[in-house]
Amino acid sequence: MTLSRIIMRLARNPGTEFADGDDHRGYTLTAPLTDDGMLDLDAFGKAKADCTVRRFAPDEDATNGRLARRRDNWYFDYDDQTDTDDEAVHKLGQHRFAVGEYVSVADEDGRLLAYKVTDVQAVD
């Protein structure tokens, strides 16, 4: 099983303070992918501890967490002692992780913001 490092940067989000997007805000996700770029559920079950997320932004320290799943709902978890910091990822299991694709992540206020996949590389 191979893990992939996926970089997603804040895309254009009209009607928000990020109307033009922001390449300095986003996520670096480490997860197993199928050959067609979808999350590999079987491999995720075997490699949960290696499936991480790092949120980055110019005005805050980077935050490290993990990719997690409850039933069909995926989320980013930054503190496993509470769920108040969790960030829901809209239909993550249905997204294809390929450069140019988009993923929606709920911010701390619950609003969905679009992120563009800008890089996908196998992790050695």
PDB file of N, CA and C in Angstrom:
ATOM      1  N   MET A   1       0.843  -1.181   0.000  1.00  0.00           N
ATOM      2  CA  MET A   1       0.000   0.000   0.000  1.00  0.00           C
ATOM      3  C   MET A   1       0.881   1.234   0.000  1.00  0.00           C
ATOM      4  N   THR A   2       0.545   2.167  -0.841  1.00  0.00           N
ATOM      5  CA  THR A   2       1.274   3.424  -0.939  1.00  0.00           C
ATOM      6  C   THR A   2       0.387   4.560  -0.462  1.00  0.00           C
ATOM      7  N   LEU A   3       0.970   5.442   0.328  1.00  0.00           N
ATOM      8  CA  LEU A   3       0.267   6.646   0.752  1.00  0.00           C
ATOM      9  C   LEU A   3       0.611   7.770  -0.213  1.00  0.00           C
ATOM     10  N   SER A   4      -0.294   8.725  -0.325  1.00  0.00           N
ATOM     11  CA  SER A   4      -0.065   9.895  -1.165  1.00  0.00           C
ATOM     12  C   SER A   4      -0.131  11.151  -0.316  1.00  0.00           C
ATOM     13  N   ARG A   5       0.698  12.119  -0.688  1.00  0.00           N
ATOM     14  CA  ARG A   5       0.631  13.440  -0.069  1.00  0.00           C
ATOM     15  C   ARG A   5      -0.141  14.335  -1.031  1.00  0.00           C
ATOM     16  N   ILE A   6      -1.226  14.898  -0.537  1.00  0.00           N
ATOM     17  CA  ILE A   6      -2.145  15.690  -1.341  1.00  0.00           C
ATOM     18  C   ILE A   6      -2.128  17.113  -0.794  1.00  0.00           C
ATOM     19  N   ILE A   7      -1.855  18.080  -1.653  1.00  0.00           N
ATOM     20  CA  ILE A   7      -1.888  19.481  -1.217  1.00  0.00           C
ATOM     21  C   ILE A   7      -3.112  20.137  -1.831  1.00  0.00           C
ATOM     22  N   MET A   8      -3.910  20.758  -0.960  1.00  0.00           N
ATOM     23  CA  MET A   8      -5.114  21.467  -1.383  1.00  0.00           C
ATOM     24  C   MET A   8      -4.987  22.919  -0.921  1.00  0.00           C
ATOM     25  N   ARG A   9      -5.181  23.850  -1.828  1.00  0.00           N
ATOM     26  CA  ARG A   9      -5.071  25.282  -1.513  1.00  0.00           C
ATOM     27  C   ARG A   9      -6.435  25.943  -1.681  1.00  0.00           C
ATOM     28  N   LEU A  10      -6.661  26.969  -0.852  1.00  0.00           N
ATOM     29  CA  LEU A  10      -7.952  27.654  -0.866  1.00  0.00           C
ATOM     30  C   LEU A  10      -8.242  28.223  -2.248  1.00  0.00           C
ATOM     31  N   ALA A  11      -9.335  27.799  -2.834  1.00  0.00           N
ATOM     32  CA  ALA A  11      -9.745  28.228  -4.172  1.00  0.00           C
ATOM     33  C   ALA A  11     -10.588  29.501  -4.074  1.00  0.00           C
ATOM     34  N   ARG A  12     -11.030  29.975  -5.203  1.00  0.00           N
ATOM     35  CA  ARG A  12     -11.935  31.133  -5.222  1.00  0.00           C
ATOM     36  C   ARG A  12     -13.216  30.746  -4.506  1.00  0.00           C
ATOM     37  N   ASN A  13     -13.656  31.622  -3.601  1.00  0.00           N
ATOM     38  CA  ASN A  13     -14.893  31.416  -2.853  1.00  0.00           C
ATOM     39  C   ASN A  13     -15.683  32.718  -2.885  1.00  0.00           C
ATOM     40  N   PRO A  14     -16.397  32.987  -4.008  1.00  0.00           N
ATOM     41  CA  PRO A  14     -17.160  34.226  -4.140  1.00  0.00           C
ATOM     42  C   PRO A  14     -18.115  34.426  -2.961  1.00  0.00           C
ATOM     43  N   GLY A  15     -18.261  35.677  -2.554  1.00  0.00           N
ATOM     44  CA  GLY A  15     -19.162  36.001  -1.449  1.00  0.00           C
ATOM     45  C   GLY A  15     -18.532  35.852  -0.086  1.00  0.00           C
ATOM     46  N   THR A  16     -17.246  35.519  -0.042  1.00  0.00           N
ATOM     47  CA  THR A  16     -16.521  35.406   1.225  1.00  0.00           C
ATOM     48  C   THR A  16     -15.313  36.341   1.172  1.00  0.00           C
ATOM     49  N   GLU A  17     -14.592  36.423   2.272  1.00  0.00           N
ATOM     50  CA  GLU A  17     -13.358  37.216   2.277  1.00  0.00           C
ATOM     51  C   GLU A  17     -12.266  36.567   1.425  1.00  0.00           C
ATOM     52  N   PHE A  18     -12.540  35.381   0.905  1.00  0.00           N
ATOM     53  CA  PHE A  18     -11.592  34.670   0.053  1.00  0.00           C
ATOM     54  C   PHE A  18     -12.109  34.584  -1.384  1.00  0.00           C
ATOM     55  N   ALA A  19     -12.712  35.660  -1.854  1.00  0.00           N
ATOM     56  CA  ALA A  19     -13.311  35.672  -3.190  1.00  0.00           C
ATOM     57  C   ALA A  19     -12.303  35.298  -4.270  1.00  0.00           C
ATOM     58  N   ASP A  20     -11.033  35.669  -4.083  1.00  0.00           N
ATOM     59  CA  ASP A  20     -10.009  35.373  -5.076  1.00  0.00           C
ATOM     60  C   ASP A  20      -9.167  34.160  -4.720  1.00  0.00           C
ATOM     61  N   GLY A  21      -9.517  33.475  -3.612  1.00  0.00           N
ATOM     62  CA  GLY A  21      -8.730  32.337  -3.165  1.00  0.00           C
ATOM     63  C   GLY A  21      -7.488  32.796  -2.412  1.00  0.00           C
ATOM     64  N   ASP A  22      -6.677  31.856  -1.963  1.00  0.00           N
ATOM     65  CA  ASP A  22      -5.454  32.180  -1.236  1.00  0.00           C
ATOM     66  C   ASP A  22      -4.545  30.958  -1.279  1.00  0.00           C
ATOM     67  N   ASP A  23      -3.485  31.039  -2.074  1.00  0.00           N
ATOM     68  CA  ASP A  23      -2.553  29.918  -2.209  1.00  0.00           C
ATOM     69  C   ASP A  23      -1.779  29.628  -0.931  1.00  0.00           C
ATOM     70  N   HIS A  24      -1.835  30.542   0.032  1.00  0.00           N
ATOM     71  CA  HIS A  24      -1.093  30.360   1.288  1.00  0.00           C
ATOM     72  C   HIS A  24      -1.943  29.732   2.388  1.00  0.00           C
ATOM     73  N   ARG A  25      -3.182  29.366   2.071  1.00  0.00           N
ATOM     74  CA  ARG A  25      -4.083  28.707   3.006  1.00  0.00           C
ATOM     75  C   ARG A  25      -4.479  27.359   2.424  1.00  0.00           C
ATOM     76  N   GLY A  26      -4.461  26.346   3.257  1.00  0.00           N
ATOM     77  CA  GLY A  26      -4.882  25.056   2.743  1.00  0.00           C
ATOM     78  C   GLY A  26      -4.540  23.907   3.657  1.00  0.00           C
ATOM     79  N   TYR A  27      -4.437  22.746   3.051  1.00  0.00           N
ATOM     80  CA  TYR A  27      -4.215  21.502   3.779  1.00  0.00           C
ATOM     81  C   TYR A  27      -3.212  20.635   3.028  1.00  0.00           C
ATOM     82  N   THR A  28      -2.409  19.926   3.797  1.00  0.00           N
ATOM     83  CA  THR A  28      -1.594  18.846   3.262  1.00  0.00           C
ATOM     84  C   THR A  28      -2.131  17.576   3.897  1.00  0.00           C
ATOM     85  N   LEU A  29      -2.608  16.682   3.078  1.00  0.00           N
ATOM     86  CA  LEU A  29      -3.264  15.459   3.524  1.00  0.00           C
ATOM     87  C   LEU A  29      -2.411  14.259   3.106  1.00  0.00           C
ATOM     88  N   THR A  30      -2.230  13.307   3.993  1.00  0.00           N
ATOM     89  CA  THR A  30      -1.560  12.049   3.659  1.00  0.00           C
ATOM     90  C   THR A  30      -2.595  10.940   3.786  1.00  0.00           C
ATOM     91  N   ALA A  31      -2.834  10.234   2.681  1.00  0.00           N
ATOM     92  CA  ALA A  31      -3.872   9.201   2.662  1.00  0.00           C
ATOM     93  C   ALA A  31      -3.600   8.217   1.528  1.00  0.00           C
ATOM     94  N   PRO A  32      -4.157   6.999   1.635  1.00  0.00           N
ATOM     95  CA  PRO A  32      -4.020   6.033   0.541  1.00  0.00           C
ATOM     96  C   PRO A  32      -5.065   6.306  -0.541  1.00  0.00           C
ATOM     97  N   LEU A  33      -4.628   6.222  -1.790  1.00  0.00           N
ATOM     98  CA  LEU A  33      -5.531   6.454  -2.916  1.00  0.00           C
ATOM     99  C   LEU A  33      -5.555   5.229  -3.820  1.00  0.00           C
ATOM    100  N   THR A  34      -6.689   5.043  -4.475  1.00  0.00           N
ATOM    101  CA  THR A  34      -6.790   4.005  -5.495  1.00  0.00           C
ATOM    102  C   THR A  34      -6.083   4.506  -6.756  1.00  0.00           C
ATOM    103  N   ASP A  35      -5.961   3.649  -7.743  1.00  0.00           N
ATOM    104  CA  ASP A  35      -5.301   4.040  -8.996  1.00  0.00           C
ATOM    105  C   ASP A  35      -6.002   5.197  -9.697  1.00  0.00           C
ATOM    106  N   ASP A  36      -7.313   5.344  -9.460  1.00  0.00           N
ATOM    107  CA  ASP A  36      -8.044   6.440 -10.099  1.00  0.00           C
ATOM    108  C   ASP A  36      -8.163   7.676  -9.199  1.00  0.00           C
ATOM    109  N   GLY A  37      -7.414   7.713  -8.091  1.00  0.00           N
ATOM    110  CA  GLY A  37      -7.351   8.915  -7.266  1.00  0.00           C
ATOM    111  C   GLY A  37      -8.403   9.048  -6.190  1.00  0.00           C
ATOM    112  N   MET A  38      -9.162   7.997  -5.937  1.00  0.00           N
ATOM    113  CA  MET A  38     -10.169   8.029  -4.873  1.00  0.00           C
ATOM    114  C   MET A  38      -9.540   7.517  -3.574  1.00  0.00           C
ATOM    115  N   LEU A  39     -10.126   7.896  -2.429  1.00  0.00           N
ATOM    116  CA  LEU A  39      -9.646   7.345  -1.166  1.00  0.00           C
ATOM    117  C   LEU A  39      -9.815   5.833  -1.177  1.00  0.00           C
ATOM    118  N   ASP A  40      -8.796   5.122  -0.770  1.00  0.00           N
ATOM    119  CA  ASP A  40      -8.818   3.667  -0.719  1.00  0.00           C
ATOM    120  C   ASP A  40      -9.298   3.247   0.675  1.00  0.00           C
ATOM    121  N   LEU A  41     -10.567   2.872   0.798  1.00  0.00           N
ATOM    122  CA  LEU A  41     -11.171   2.556   2.094  1.00  0.00           C
ATOM    123  C   LEU A  41     -10.495   1.376   2.785  1.00  0.00           C
ATOM    124  N   ASP A  42     -10.182   0.331   2.036  1.00  0.00           N
ATOM    125  CA  ASP A  42      -9.524  -0.837   2.636  1.00  0.00           C
ATOM    126  C   ASP A  42      -8.155  -0.467   3.184  1.00  0.00           C
ATOM    127  N   ALA A  43      -7.387   0.255   2.398  1.00  0.00           N
ATOM    128  CA  ALA A  43      -6.054   0.657   2.841  1.00  0.00           C
ATOM    129  C   ALA A  43      -6.142   1.647   4.000  1.00  0.00           C
ATOM    130  N   PHE A  44      -7.142   2.518   3.992  1.00  0.00           N
ATOM    131  CA  PHE A  44      -7.310   3.460   5.102  1.00  0.00           C
ATOM    132  C   PHE A  44      -7.516   2.698   6.408  1.00  0.00           C
ATOM    133  N   GLY A  45      -8.320   1.649   6.371  1.00  0.00           N
ATOM    134  CA  GLY A  45      -8.567   0.855   7.569  1.00  0.00           C
ATOM    135  C   GLY A  45      -7.299   0.257   8.150  1.00  0.00           C
ATOM    136  N   LYS A  46      -6.323  -0.020   7.294  1.00  0.00           N
ATOM    137  CA  LYS A  46      -5.060  -0.612   7.737  1.00  0.00           C
ATOM    138  C   LYS A  46      -4.006   0.434   8.101  1.00  0.00           C
ATOM    139  N   ALA A  47      -4.205   1.668   7.653  1.00  0.00           N
ATOM    140  CA  ALA A  47      -3.167   2.689   7.823  1.00  0.00           C
ATOM    141  C   ALA A  47      -3.670   3.955   8.500  1.00  0.00           C
ATOM    142  N   LYS A  48      -4.733   3.848   9.305  1.00  0.00           N
ATOM    143  CA  LYS A  48      -5.315   5.044   9.929  1.00  0.00           C
ATOM    144  C   LYS A  48      -4.284   5.916  10.622  1.00  0.00           C
ATOM    145  N   ALA A  49      -3.355   5.291  11.324  1.00  0.00           N
ATOM    146  CA  ALA A  49      -2.366   6.050  12.092  1.00  0.00           C
ATOM    147  C   ALA A  49      -1.451   6.882  11.197  1.00  0.00           C
ATOM    148  N   ASP A  50      -1.326   6.503   9.935  1.00  0.00           N
ATOM    149  CA  ASP A  50      -0.457   7.224   9.008  1.00  0.00           C
ATOM    150  C   ASP A  50      -1.201   8.258   8.167  1.00  0.00           C
ATOM    151  N   CYS A  51      -2.507   8.345   8.339  1.00  0.00           N
ATOM    152  CA  CYS A  51      -3.333   9.265   7.555  1.00  0.00           C
ATOM    153  C   CYS A  51      -3.466  10.570   8.323  1.00  0.00           C
ATOM    154  N   THR A  52      -2.708  11.560   7.892  1.00  0.00           N
ATOM    155  CA  THR A  52      -2.605  12.814   8.629  1.00  0.00           C
ATOM    156  C   THR A  52      -3.091  13.994   7.809  1.00  0.00           C
ATOM    157  N   VAL A  53      -3.275  15.113   8.512  1.00  0.00           N
ATOM    158  CA  VAL A  53      -3.624  16.371   7.867  1.00  0.00           C
ATOM    159  C   VAL A  53      -2.838  17.477   8.556  1.00  0.00           C
ATOM    160  N   ARG A  54      -2.459  18.461   7.774  1.00  0.00           N
ATOM    161  CA  ARG A  54      -1.792  19.649   8.305  1.00  0.00           C
ATOM    162  C   ARG A  54      -2.478  20.852   7.679  1.00  0.00           C
ATOM    163  N   ARG A  55      -3.070  21.681   8.524  1.00  0.00           N
ATOM    164  CA  ARG A  55      -3.739  22.905   8.048  1.00  0.00           C
ATOM    165  C   ARG A  55      -2.730  24.045   8.121  1.00  0.00           C
ATOM    166  N   PHE A  56      -2.612  24.814   7.053  1.00  0.00           N
ATOM    167  CA  PHE A  56      -1.667  25.928   7.053  1.00  0.00           C
ATOM    168  C   PHE A  56      -2.349  27.214   6.592  1.00  0.00           C
ATOM    169  N   ALA A  57      -1.895  28.320   7.162  1.00  0.00           N
ATOM    170  CA  ALA A  57      -2.389  29.649   6.817  1.00  0.00           C
ATOM    171  C   ALA A  57      -1.337  30.660   7.267  1.00  0.00           C
ATOM    172  N   PRO A  58      -1.222  31.785   6.572  1.00  0.00           N
ATOM    173  CA  PRO A  58      -0.170  32.738   6.915  1.00  0.00           C
ATOM    174  C   PRO A  58      -0.361  33.421   8.270  1.00  0.00           C
ATOM    175  N   ASP A  59      -1.582  33.481   8.758  1.00  0.00           N
ATOM    176  CA  ASP A  59      -1.858  34.202   9.996  1.00  0.00           C
ATOM    177  C   ASP A  59      -2.038  33.298  11.212  1.00  0.00           C
ATOM    178  N   GLU A  60      -1.639  32.027  11.101  1.00  0.00           N
ATOM    179  CA  GLU A  60      -1.743  31.107  12.237  1.00  0.00           C
ATOM    180  C   GLU A  60      -0.666  30.032  12.132  1.00  0.00           C
ATOM    181  N   ASP A  61      -0.339  29.453  13.266  1.00  0.00           N
ATOM    182  CA  ASP A  61       0.604  28.341  13.260  1.00  0.00           C
ATOM    183  C   ASP A  61      -0.041  27.144  12.562  1.00  0.00           C
ATOM    184  N   ALA A  62       0.759  26.364  11.876  1.00  0.00           N
ATOM    185  CA  ALA A  62       0.244  25.149  11.238  1.00  0.00           C
ATOM    186  C   ALA A  62      -0.327  24.229  12.319  1.00  0.00           C
ATOM    187  N   THR A  63      -1.417  23.559  11.982  1.00  0.00           N
ATOM    188  CA  THR A  63      -2.082  22.656  12.915  1.00  0.00           C
ATOM    189  C   THR A  63      -2.058  21.256  12.334  1.00  0.00           C
ATOM    190  N   ASN A  64      -1.586  20.302  13.126  1.00  0.00           N
ATOM    191  CA  ASN A  64      -1.505  18.910  12.688  1.00  0.00           C
ATOM    192  C   ASN A  64      -2.642  18.092  13.275  1.00  0.00           C
ATOM    193  N   GLY A  65      -3.165  17.185  12.482  1.00  0.00           N
ATOM    194  CA  GLY A  65      -4.241  16.312  12.937  1.00  0.00           C
ATOM    195  C   GLY A  65      -4.234  15.014  12.150  1.00  0.00           C
ATOM    196  N   ARG A  66      -5.393  14.391  12.119  1.00  0.00           N
ATOM    197  CA  ARG A  66      -5.511  13.113  11.422  1.00  0.00           C
ATOM    198  C   ARG A  66      -6.774  13.092  10.585  1.00  0.00           C
ATOM    199  N   LEU A  67      -6.749  12.277   9.566  1.00  0.00           N
ATOM    200  CA  LEU A  67      -7.940  12.023   8.762  1.00  0.00           C
ATOM    201  C   LEU A  67      -8.748  10.975   9.506  1.00  0.00           C
ATOM    202  N   ALA A  68     -10.033  11.224   9.686  1.00  0.00           N
ATOM    203  CA  ALA A  68     -10.869  10.295  10.434  1.00  0.00           C
ATOM    204  C   ALA A  68     -12.203  10.115   9.716  1.00  0.00           C
ATOM    205  N   ARG A  69     -12.925   9.088  10.162  1.00  0.00           N
ATOM    206  CA  ARG A  69     -14.195   8.747   9.512  1.00  0.00           C
ATOM    207  C   ARG A  69     -15.178   8.209  10.540  1.00  0.00           C
ATOM    208  N   ARG A  70     -16.412   8.692  10.476  1.00  0.00           N
ATOM    209  CA  ARG A  70     -17.553   8.157  11.230  1.00  0.00           C
ATOM    210  C   ARG A  70     -18.596   7.748  10.200  1.00  0.00           C
ATOM    211  N   ARG A  71     -18.846   6.444  10.123  1.00  0.00           N
ATOM    212  CA  ARG A  71     -19.747   5.915   9.096  1.00  0.00           C
ATOM    213  C   ARG A  71     -19.311   6.416   7.722  1.00  0.00           C
ATOM    214  N   ASP A  72     -20.123   7.166   7.014  1.00  0.00           N
ATOM    215  CA  ASP A  72     -19.751   7.665   5.686  1.00  0.00           C
ATOM    216  C   ASP A  72     -19.205   9.088   5.719  1.00  0.00           C
ATOM    217  N   ASN A  73     -19.059   9.655   6.899  1.00  0.00           N
ATOM    218  CA  ASN A  73     -18.637  11.045   7.023  1.00  0.00           C
ATOM    219  C   ASN A  73     -17.152  11.153   7.370  1.00  0.00           C
ATOM    220  N   TRP A  74     -16.417  11.843   6.536  1.00  0.00           N
ATOM    221  CA  TRP A  74     -14.985  12.071   6.734  1.00  0.00           C
ATOM    222  C   TRP A  74     -14.791  13.429   7.385  1.00  0.00           C
ATOM    223  N   TYR A  75     -13.730  13.539   8.179  1.00  0.00           N
ATOM    224  CA  TYR A  75     -13.420  14.818   8.812  1.00  0.00           C
ATOM    225  C   TYR A  75     -11.947  14.871   9.193  1.00  0.00           C
ATOM    226  N   PHE A  76     -11.477  16.090   9.445  1.00  0.00           N
ATOM    227  CA  PHE A  76     -10.135  16.306   9.950  1.00  0.00           C
ATOM    228  C   PHE A  76     -10.253  16.489  11.450  1.00  0.00           C
ATOM    229  N   ASP A  77      -9.490  15.728  12.207  1.00  0.00           N
ATOM    230  CA  ASP A  77      -9.550  15.753  13.667  1.00  0.00           C
ATOM    231  C   ASP A  77      -8.207  16.238  14.206  1.00  0.00           C
ATOM    232  N   TYR A  78      -8.240  17.336  14.964  1.00  0.00           N
ATOM    233  CA  TYR A  78      -7.004  17.917  15.483  1.00  0.00           C
ATOM    234  C   TYR A  78      -6.767  17.587  16.956  1.00  0.00           C
ATOM    235  N   ASP A  79      -7.775  17.078  17.641  1.00  0.00           N
ATOM    236  CA  ASP A  79      -7.639  16.690  19.052  1.00  0.00           C
ATOM    237  C   ASP A  79      -8.589  15.534  19.286  1.00  0.00           C
ATOM    238  N   ASP A  80      -8.044  14.332  19.514  1.00  0.00           N
ATOM    239  CA  ASP A  80      -8.909  13.153  19.649  1.00  0.00           C
ATOM    240  C   ASP A  80      -9.649  13.093  20.985  1.00  0.00           C
ATOM    241  N   GLN A  81      -9.437  14.081  21.848  1.00  0.00           N
ATOM    242  CA  GLN A  81     -10.147  14.135  23.126  1.00  0.00           C
ATOM    243  C   GLN A  81     -11.483  14.878  23.015  1.00  0.00           C
ATOM    244  N   THR A  82     -11.689  15.584  21.908  1.00  0.00           N
ATOM    245  CA  THR A  82     -12.915  16.352  21.723  1.00  0.00           C
ATOM    246  C   THR A  82     -13.289  16.360  20.249  1.00  0.00           C
ATOM    247  N   ASP A  83     -14.563  16.632  19.964  1.00  0.00           N
ATOM    248  CA  ASP A  83     -14.962  16.745  18.564  1.00  0.00           C
ATOM    249  C   ASP A  83     -15.280  18.183  18.179  1.00  0.00           C
ATOM    250  N   THR A  84     -15.044  19.139  19.094  1.00  0.00           N
ATOM    251  CA  THR A  84     -15.356  20.530  18.802  1.00  0.00           C
ATOM    252  C   THR A  84     -14.403  21.149  17.788  1.00  0.00           C
ATOM    253  N   ASP A  85     -13.252  20.539  17.577  1.00  0.00           N
ATOM    254  CA  ASP A  85     -12.283  21.076  16.628  1.00  0.00           C
ATOM    255  C   ASP A  85     -12.345  20.385  15.270  1.00  0.00           C
ATOM    256  N   ASP A  86     -13.208  19.417  15.105  1.00  0.00           N
ATOM    257  CA  ASP A  86     -13.289  18.650  13.868  1.00  0.00           C
ATOM    258  C   ASP A  86     -13.748  19.529  12.706  1.00  0.00           C
ATOM    259  N   GLU A  87     -13.163  19.277  11.529  1.00  0.00           N
ATOM    260  CA  GLU A  87     -13.570  19.966  10.311  1.00  0.00           C
ATOM    261  C   GLU A  87     -14.148  18.934   9.355  1.00  0.00           C
ATOM    262  N   ALA A  88     -15.413  19.073   9.053  1.00  0.00           N
ATOM    263  CA  ALA A  88     -16.073  18.134   8.144  1.00  0.00           C
ATOM    264  C   ALA A  88     -15.588  18.364   6.712  1.00  0.00           C
ATOM    265  N   VAL A  89     -15.422  17.274   5.984  1.00  0.00           N
ATOM    266  CA  VAL A  89     -15.027  17.356   4.589  1.00  0.00           C
ATOM    267  C   VAL A  89     -16.189  16.799   3.768  1.00  0.00           C
ATOM    268  N   HIS A  90     -16.776  17.644   2.952  1.00  0.00           N
ATOM    269  CA  HIS A  90     -17.995  17.317   2.220  1.00  0.00           C
ATOM    270  C   HIS A  90     -17.762  16.199   1.207  1.00  0.00           C
ATOM    271  N   LYS A  91     -18.404  15.056   1.432  1.00  0.00           N
ATOM    272  CA  LYS A  91     -18.379  13.915   0.504  1.00  0.00           C
ATOM    273  C   LYS A  91     -16.961  13.533   0.089  1.00  0.00           C
ATOM    274  N   LEU A  92     -16.046  13.511   1.059  1.00  0.00           N
ATOM    275  CA  LEU A  92     -14.648  13.242   0.753  1.00  0.00           C
ATOM    276  C   LEU A  92     -14.467  11.912   0.042  1.00  0.00           C
ATOM    277  N   GLY A  93     -15.220  10.907   0.430  1.00  0.00           N
ATOM    278  CA  GLY A  93     -15.098   9.590  -0.189  1.00  0.00           C
ATOM    279  C   GLY A  93     -15.533   9.555  -1.642  1.00  0.00           C
ATOM    280  N   GLN A  94     -16.188  10.612  -2.123  1.00  0.00           N
ATOM    281  CA  GLN A  94     -16.652  10.667  -3.511  1.00  0.00           C
ATOM    282  C   GLN A  94     -15.767  11.561  -4.382  1.00  0.00           C
ATOM    283  N   HIS A  95     -14.738  12.165  -3.776  1.00  0.00           N
ATOM    284  CA  HIS A  95     -13.861  13.066  -4.521  1.00  0.00           C
ATOM    285  C   HIS A  95     -12.687  12.320  -5.124  1.00  0.00           C
ATOM    286  N   ARG A  96     -12.296  12.779  -6.278  1.00  0.00           N
ATOM    287  CA  ARG A  96     -11.097  12.268  -6.937  1.00  0.00           C
ATOM    288  C   ARG A  96      -9.962  13.232  -6.628  1.00  0.00           C
ATOM    289  N   PHE A  97      -8.872  12.717  -6.095  1.00  0.00           N
ATOM    290  CA  PHE A  97      -7.733  13.546  -5.756  1.00  0.00           C
ATOM    291  C   PHE A  97      -6.757  13.561  -6.921  1.00  0.00           C
ATOM    292  N   ALA A  98      -6.937  14.554  -7.763  1.00  0.00           N
ATOM    293  CA  ALA A  98      -6.072  14.774  -8.912  1.00  0.00           C
ATOM    294  C   ALA A  98      -5.901  16.281  -9.043  1.00  0.00           C
ATOM    295  N   VAL A  99      -4.764  16.701  -9.546  1.00  0.00           N
ATOM    296  CA  VAL A  99      -4.495  18.119  -9.707  1.00  0.00           C
ATOM    297  C   VAL A  99      -5.627  18.762 -10.510  1.00  0.00           C
ATOM    298  N   GLY A 100      -6.154  19.858  -9.968  1.00  0.00           N
ATOM    299  CA  GLY A 100      -7.242  20.588 -10.617  1.00  0.00           C
ATOM    300  C   GLY A 100      -8.620  20.270 -10.077  1.00  0.00           C
ATOM    301  N   GLU A 101      -8.759  19.182  -9.332  1.00  0.00           N
ATOM    302  CA  GLU A 101     -10.047  18.829  -8.733  1.00  0.00           C
ATOM    303  C   GLU A 101     -10.298  19.697  -7.494  1.00  0.00           C
ATOM    304  N   TYR A 102     -11.563  19.777  -7.058  1.00  0.00           N
ATOM    305  CA  TYR A 102     -11.944  20.599  -5.911  1.00  0.00           C
ATOM    306  C   TYR A 102     -12.525  19.745  -4.791  1.00  0.00           C
ATOM    307  N   VAL A 103     -12.271  20.186  -3.553  1.00  0.00           N
ATOM    308  CA  VAL A 103     -12.774  19.532  -2.349  1.00  0.00           C
ATOM    309  C   VAL A 103     -13.332  20.626  -1.444  1.00  0.00           C
ATOM    310  N   SER A 104     -14.471  20.376  -0.797  1.00  0.00           N
ATOM    311  CA  SER A 104     -15.068  21.351   0.118  1.00  0.00           C
ATOM    312  C   SER A 104     -14.824  20.932   1.562  1.00  0.00           C
ATOM    313  N   VAL A 105     -14.344  21.889   2.359  1.00  0.00           N
ATOM    314  CA  VAL A 105     -14.066  21.654   3.775  1.00  0.00           C
ATOM    315  C   VAL A 105     -14.837  22.699   4.571  1.00  0.00           C
ATOM    316  N   ALA A 106     -15.495  22.269   5.647  1.00  0.00           N
ATOM    317  CA  ALA A 106     -16.231  23.195   6.515  1.00  0.00           C
ATOM    318  C   ALA A 106     -15.246  23.900   7.443  1.00  0.00           C
ATOM    319  N   ASP A 107     -15.327  25.233   7.509  1.00  0.00           N
ATOM    320  CA  ASP A 107     -14.452  25.967   8.417  1.00  0.00           C
ATOM    321  C   ASP A 107     -15.017  25.946   9.829  1.00  0.00           C
ATOM    322  N   GLU A 108     -14.382  26.692  10.739  1.00  0.00           N
ATOM    323  CA  GLU A 108     -14.799  26.669  12.146  1.00  0.00           C
ATOM    324  C   GLU A 108     -16.221  27.190  12.365  1.00  0.00           C
ATOM    325  N   ASP A 109     -16.751  27.930  11.382  1.00  0.00           N
ATOM    326  CA  ASP A 109     -18.132  28.423  11.472  1.00  0.00           C
ATOM    327  C   ASP A 109     -19.122  27.505  10.755  1.00  0.00           C
ATOM    328  N   GLY A 110     -18.618  26.415  10.191  1.00  0.00           N
ATOM    329  CA  GLY A 110     -19.489  25.460   9.522  1.00  0.00           C
ATOM    330  C   GLY A 110     -19.759  25.759   8.058  1.00  0.00           C
ATOM    331  N   ARG A 111     -19.212  26.825   7.527  1.00  0.00           N
ATOM    332  CA  ARG A 111     -19.450  27.142   6.110  1.00  0.00           C
ATOM    333  C   ARG A 111     -18.475  26.351   5.253  1.00  0.00           C
ATOM    334  N   LEU A 112     -18.960  25.878   4.125  1.00  0.00           N
ATOM    335  CA  LEU A 112     -18.123  25.105   3.211  1.00  0.00           C
ATOM    336  C   LEU A 112     -17.289  26.038   2.351  1.00  0.00           C
ATOM    337  N   LEU A 113     -15.989  25.791   2.315  1.00  0.00           N
ATOM    338  CA  LEU A 113     -15.080  26.531   1.455  1.00  0.00           C
ATOM    339  C   LEU A 113     -14.443  25.560   0.478  1.00  0.00           C
ATOM    340  N   ALA A 114     -14.249  26.010  -0.755  1.00  0.00           N
ATOM    341  CA  ALA A 114     -13.665  25.169  -1.800  1.00  0.00           C
ATOM    342  C   ALA A 114     -12.146  25.254  -1.767  1.00  0.00           C
ATOM    343  N   TYR A 115     -11.522  24.089  -1.914  1.00  0.00           N
ATOM    344  CA  TYR A 115     -10.065  23.974  -2.003  1.00  0.00           C
ATOM    345  C   TYR A 115      -9.737  23.237  -3.283  1.00  0.00           C
ATOM    346  N   LYS A 116      -8.660  23.672  -3.935  1.00  0.00           N
ATOM    347  CA  LYS A 116      -8.235  23.048  -5.190  1.00  0.00           C
ATOM    348  C   LYS A 116      -7.027  22.157  -4.931  1.00  0.00           C
ATOM    349  N   VAL A 117      -7.076  20.947  -5.458  1.00  0.00           N
ATOM    350  CA  VAL A 117      -5.945  20.033  -5.348  1.00  0.00           C
ATOM    351  C   VAL A 117      -4.854  20.564  -6.279  1.00  0.00           C
ATOM    352  N   THR A 118      -3.689  20.889  -5.685  1.00  0.00           N
ATOM    353  CA  THR A 118      -2.590  21.461  -6.479  1.00  0.00           C
ATOM    354  C   THR A 118      -1.413  20.516  -6.638  1.00  0.00           C
ATOM    355  N   ASP A 119      -1.366  19.430  -5.852  1.00  0.00           N
ATOM    356  CA  ASP A 119      -0.269  18.489  -5.965  1.00  0.00           C
ATOM    357  C   ASP A 119      -0.678  17.144  -5.341  1.00  0.00           C
ATOM    358  N   VAL A 120      -0.285  16.068  -5.988  1.00  0.00           N
ATOM    359  CA  VAL A 120      -0.483  14.713  -5.469  1.00  0.00           C
ATOM    360  C   VAL A 120       0.798  13.941  -5.768  1.00  0.00           C
ATOM    361  N   GLN A 121       1.447  13.456  -4.716  1.00  0.00           N
ATOM    362  CA  GLN A 121       2.701  12.716  -4.864  1.00  0.00           C
ATOM    363  C   GLN A 121       2.685  11.489  -3.976  1.00  0.00           C
ATOM    364  N   ALA A 122       3.235  10.386  -4.449  1.00  0.00           N
ATOM    365  CA  ALA A 122       3.402   9.191  -3.622  1.00  0.00           C
ATOM    366  C   ALA A 122       4.411   9.501  -2.522  1.00  0.00           C
ATOM    367  N   VAL A 123       4.136   8.984  -1.310  1.00  0.00           N
ATOM    368  CA  VAL A 123       5.038   9.167  -0.186  1.00  0.00           C
ATOM    369  C   VAL A 123       5.961   7.954  -0.128  1.00  0.00           C
ATOM    370  N   ASP A 124       7.242   8.208  -0.057  1.00  0.00           N
ATOM    371  CA  ASP A 124       8.218   7.112  -0.002  1.00  0.00           C
ATOM    372  C   ASP A 124       8.230   6.439   1.344  1.00  0.00           C
TER     373      ASP A 124
END
